[in-house]
Protein backbone atom coordinates (compact mmCIF):
# COMPACT_ATOMS: atom_id res chain seq x y z
CA MET A 1 18.36 -8.95 -20.33
CA PRO A 2 16.82 -7.52 -17.14
CA ALA A 3 13.03 -7.74 -16.94
CA LEU A 4 12.82 -4.87 -14.43
CA LYS A 5 14.03 -1.42 -15.43
CA PRO A 6 15.42 1.02 -12.85
CA THR A 7 13.81 4.42 -13.35
CA SER A 8 14.78 7.99 -12.46
CA PHE A 9 11.76 8.11 -10.13
CA SER A 10 12.46 7.87 -6.44
CA GLY A 11 10.63 8.69 -3.26
CA ARG A 12 11.30 9.21 0.41
CA ILE A 13 9.72 7.18 3.20
CA VAL A 14 7.89 9.67 5.42
CA TRP A 15 5.89 7.24 7.59
CA LEU A 16 6.07 3.60 8.67
CA GLY A 17 3.59 1.60 10.70
CA ARG A 18 1.91 -1.68 11.47
CA VAL A 19 -1.56 -2.90 12.44
CA ALA A 20 -1.35 -5.40 15.29
CA ASP A 21 -4.92 -6.73 15.14
CA SER A 22 -7.32 -5.49 12.46
CA ALA A 23 -10.18 -7.34 14.15
CA LYS A 24 -9.87 -4.77 16.96
CA THR A 25 -8.85 -1.70 14.98
CA LEU A 26 -7.46 -0.77 11.58
CA ARG A 27 -5.46 2.02 13.23
CA ALA A 28 -1.73 1.55 12.70
CA GLU A 29 1.03 2.04 15.24
CA ALA A 30 3.72 4.44 13.99
CA LEU A 31 7.30 3.14 13.69
CA GLU A 32 10.62 4.93 13.18
CA ARG A 33 12.10 1.91 11.40
CA ALA A 34 11.01 -1.55 10.34
CA GLU A 35 12.73 -4.78 9.45
CA LEU A 36 11.17 -6.12 6.27
CA THR A 37 11.16 -9.92 6.24
CA PHE A 38 9.74 -12.43 3.79
CA GLU A 39 6.62 -12.44 5.98
CA GLY A 40 6.29 -8.65 6.01
CA ILE A 41 6.74 -6.40 9.08
CA ALA A 42 7.03 -8.21 12.41
CA GLY A 43 3.84 -7.85 14.45
CA GLU A 44 1.75 -6.84 11.42
CA CYS A 45 -1.56 -8.69 11.26
CA HIS A 46 -1.42 -8.74 7.45
CA GLY A 47 1.97 -10.49 7.56
CA GLY A 48 2.75 -14.09 6.71
CA LEU A 49 3.70 -16.09 3.65
CA THR A 50 0.07 -17.05 3.01
CA ARG A 51 -3.30 -15.52 3.86
CA PRO A 52 -6.95 -16.47 3.58
CA ALA A 53 -8.65 -15.34 0.37
CA CYS A 54 -10.92 -12.34 0.87
CA VAL A 55 -13.20 -10.09 -1.16
CA ARG A 56 -10.22 -8.97 -3.30
CA THR A 57 -9.92 -12.48 -4.76
CA SER A 58 -13.56 -13.57 -4.59
CA ALA A 59 -13.70 -14.14 -8.37
CA GLN A 60 -10.88 -16.68 -8.06
CA TYR A 61 -11.24 -18.51 -4.73
CA PRO A 62 -13.83 -19.28 -2.07
CA LYS A 63 -13.46 -17.02 0.97
CA GLY A 64 -10.93 -18.43 3.44
CA THR A 65 -8.89 -20.43 0.89
CA GLN A 66 -5.18 -20.20 1.74
CA ILE A 67 -3.31 -18.30 -0.98
CA ARG A 68 0.10 -16.65 -1.34
CA ASN A 69 0.19 -13.40 0.64
CA VAL A 70 0.84 -10.55 -1.77
CA ARG A 71 -0.93 -8.11 0.56
CA GLN A 72 1.66 -7.96 3.35
CA LEU A 73 1.99 -4.18 3.10
CA SER A 74 -0.25 -1.21 2.40
CA VAL A 75 1.83 1.53 0.76
CA LEU A 76 0.47 5.04 0.31
CA SER A 77 1.52 8.31 -1.30
CA ALA A 78 1.92 11.48 0.78
CA GLU A 79 0.69 13.56 -2.18
CA GLU A 80 -2.39 11.38 -2.67
CA LEU A 81 -3.19 11.56 1.06
CA SER A 82 -3.15 15.35 0.75
CA ALA A 83 -5.47 15.15 -2.26
CA ILE A 84 -7.87 12.89 -0.35
CA ALA A 85 -7.89 15.28 2.61
CA LYS A 86 -8.58 18.26 0.36
CA LYS A 87 -11.48 16.48 -1.33
CA MET A 88 -12.91 15.55 2.08
CA GLY A 89 -12.51 19.06 3.45
CA LEU A 90 -9.90 18.09 6.06
CA ASP A 91 -6.51 19.68 6.70
CA SER A 92 -4.82 16.27 6.57
CA ILE A 93 -5.35 12.52 6.57
CA ARG A 94 -3.31 10.62 9.14
CA ALA A 95 -1.65 7.47 7.81
CA GLU A 96 -2.55 5.51 10.94
CA TRP A 97 -6.26 5.97 10.19
CA LEU A 98 -5.75 3.99 6.97
CA GLY A 99 -3.75 1.15 8.49
CA ALA A 100 -0.71 2.12 6.43
CA SER A 101 2.55 0.20 6.43
CA MET A 102 4.48 2.87 4.56
CA VAL A 103 3.91 6.35 3.14
CA ILE A 104 6.17 7.54 0.32
CA GLU A 105 6.63 11.09 -0.91
CA GLY A 106 7.81 12.02 -4.38
CA ILE A 107 6.53 9.42 -6.87
CA PRO A 108 3.73 10.84 -9.06
CA ASP A 109 0.45 9.00 -9.73
CA PHE A 110 1.61 6.48 -7.15
CA SER A 111 -1.55 4.37 -6.92
CA HIS A 112 -1.24 3.55 -10.62
CA ILE A 113 2.39 2.49 -10.89
CA PRO A 114 2.48 -0.79 -12.85
CA PRO A 115 1.78 -4.02 -10.96
CA SER A 116 4.99 -6.01 -10.40
CA SER A 117 7.03 -2.80 -10.01
CA ARG A 118 9.64 -2.80 -7.25
CA LEU A 119 10.54 -0.19 -4.67
CA GLN A 120 14.13 -0.69 -3.53
CA ALA A 121 15.75 0.97 -0.51
CA ALA A 122 19.45 1.75 -0.16
CA SER A 123 19.76 -1.17 2.27
CA GLY A 124 18.74 -3.49 -0.57
CA ALA A 125 15.34 -4.17 0.99
CA SER A 126 12.82 -4.41 -1.84
CA ILE A 127 9.07 -4.64 -2.03
CA ALA A 128 7.09 -5.86 -5.02
CA ILE A 129 3.88 -4.07 -5.91
CA ASP A 130 0.89 -6.37 -6.29
CA MET A 131 -1.80 -3.94 -7.41
CA GLU A 132 -3.76 -0.78 -6.69
CA ASN A 133 -5.53 -0.93 -3.35
CA ARG A 134 -9.26 -0.25 -3.27
CA PRO A 135 -10.94 2.17 -0.87
CA CYS A 136 -13.31 0.62 1.65
CA VAL A 137 -15.40 1.81 4.59
CA PHE A 138 -13.03 0.65 7.37
CA PRO A 139 -10.68 3.67 7.31
CA GLY A 140 -13.76 5.88 7.47
CA ARG A 141 -14.60 4.37 10.85
CA GLU A 142 -11.18 5.35 12.20
CA ILE A 143 -11.46 8.83 10.70
CA GLU A 144 -14.88 9.26 12.28
CA LYS A 145 -13.43 8.66 15.77
CA ASP A 146 -11.14 11.70 15.46
CA ALA A 147 -12.98 13.80 12.88
CA ALA A 148 -16.70 13.33 13.41
CA GLY A 149 -18.80 13.80 10.30
CA PHE A 150 -15.96 13.05 7.87
CA GLY A 151 -15.69 9.26 7.95
CA ALA A 152 -18.24 8.59 5.21
CA LYS A 153 -16.44 10.98 2.88
CA PHE A 154 -13.29 8.84 2.75
CA LYS A 155 -14.29 6.09 0.32
CA PRO A 156 -15.42 8.36 -2.54
CA ALA A 157 -12.53 10.80 -1.98
CA ALA A 158 -9.97 7.97 -2.04
CA GLN A 159 -10.98 6.47 -5.40
CA GLY A 160 -7.78 6.08 -7.43
CA ARG A 161 -5.67 7.37 -4.52
CA ARG A 162 -5.67 4.49 -1.99
CA GLY A 163 -2.11 3.40 -2.72
CA VAL A 164 -0.98 -0.14 -3.48
CA THR A 165 -0.64 -3.50 -1.80
CA ALA A 166 2.80 -5.07 -1.77
CA TRP A 167 4.95 -7.93 -0.51
CA VAL A 168 8.58 -8.22 0.52
CA GLU A 169 10.86 -9.59 -2.19
CA ARG A 170 14.18 -8.93 -0.44
CA GLU A 171 14.60 -8.62 3.29
CA GLY A 172 16.27 -5.66 4.97
CA PRO A 173 15.76 -2.60 7.14
CA VAL A 174 13.90 0.58 6.20
CA ALA A 175 13.53 3.79 8.19
CA ILE A 176 11.86 7.19 8.04
CA GLY A 177 13.84 9.35 5.61
CA ASP A 178 15.12 6.47 3.48
CA THR A 179 15.01 6.84 -0.29
CA VAL A 180 13.33 4.17 -2.41
CA THR A 181 13.89 3.82 -6.16
CA LEU A 182 11.14 2.71 -8.53
CA HIS A 183 11.85 -0.19 -10.89
CA ILE A 184 9.18 -1.06 -13.45
CA PRO A 185 8.55 -4.12 -15.64
CA ASP A 186 10.18 -3.63 -19.05
CA GLN A 187 7.02 -4.72 -20.82
CA PRO A 188 4.49 -3.00 -23.08
CA ILE A 189 0.89 -2.55 -21.94
CA TRP A 190 -1.23 -5.54 -23.01
CA GLN A 191 -3.11 -4.46 -26.14
CA HIS A 192 -6.30 -6.27 -25.06
CA LEU A 193 -6.51 -4.64 -21.61
CA GLY A 194 -9.51 -2.49 -22.53
CA ASP A 195 -11.44 -5.44 -23.94
CA ALA A 196 -10.66 -7.62 -20.90
CA ARG A 197 -12.02 -4.97 -18.52
CA THR A 198 -15.40 -4.65 -20.26
C-alpha cells in the first residue's frame, strides 16, 4: 500500500534560482530551468549531500556537526509572497531577495503542507519537503538595499509564510511554467502533537 498519496492539488513553477555564496549575499540568481540532482541545484551554496548543523538543529547537534542535508532547496509560494508584501506595505516581494530556489503558484497554505510531502514534476523530478522554513533577518538586509525602510518589516510579516525547506528525492529537470503535483503522507496527525509542542 503506498505511503504517499497523490492529491488533486498542483502548482506551477513561476520562479527558479540559486544562491552562489550566501557568505557574500543571500540574493539569488534567477534561472529559466534547473537540473535537480541528489545534491540539489548545481552551483547552489546550500547544495550537497551533507551540511553543517546550524541554528535550525541546535537542539539536536553542536553547531558545525555534519548531518544529512535536507535543506538543499528553499521553496516559496507566490500567494504567500504577495501576502508578505501586502503586510509590509510593498507592491511585491522579489524571490531573489529571499534566496529562493523555487516559487510555486497555486497550492494553498503552502508553508504548512505536511512534512515529508513530495512535489513531483512531469519530468519525474521530485522534491521531498523537510519542514516549514522560519523567517530570519537576512532577507530583510537584501530588501533594505532595494527598498529602504522596509527590511526590518520582513521577519514579522513572513511568520507562517516563509515557505518550506526541501531536498531532491528524484533527479530531473524543472523549468519555469512546469506543473508540480502535491503528494502527501497517508498518515493521521499524531494525537500528542499539541502536548509535545508545549
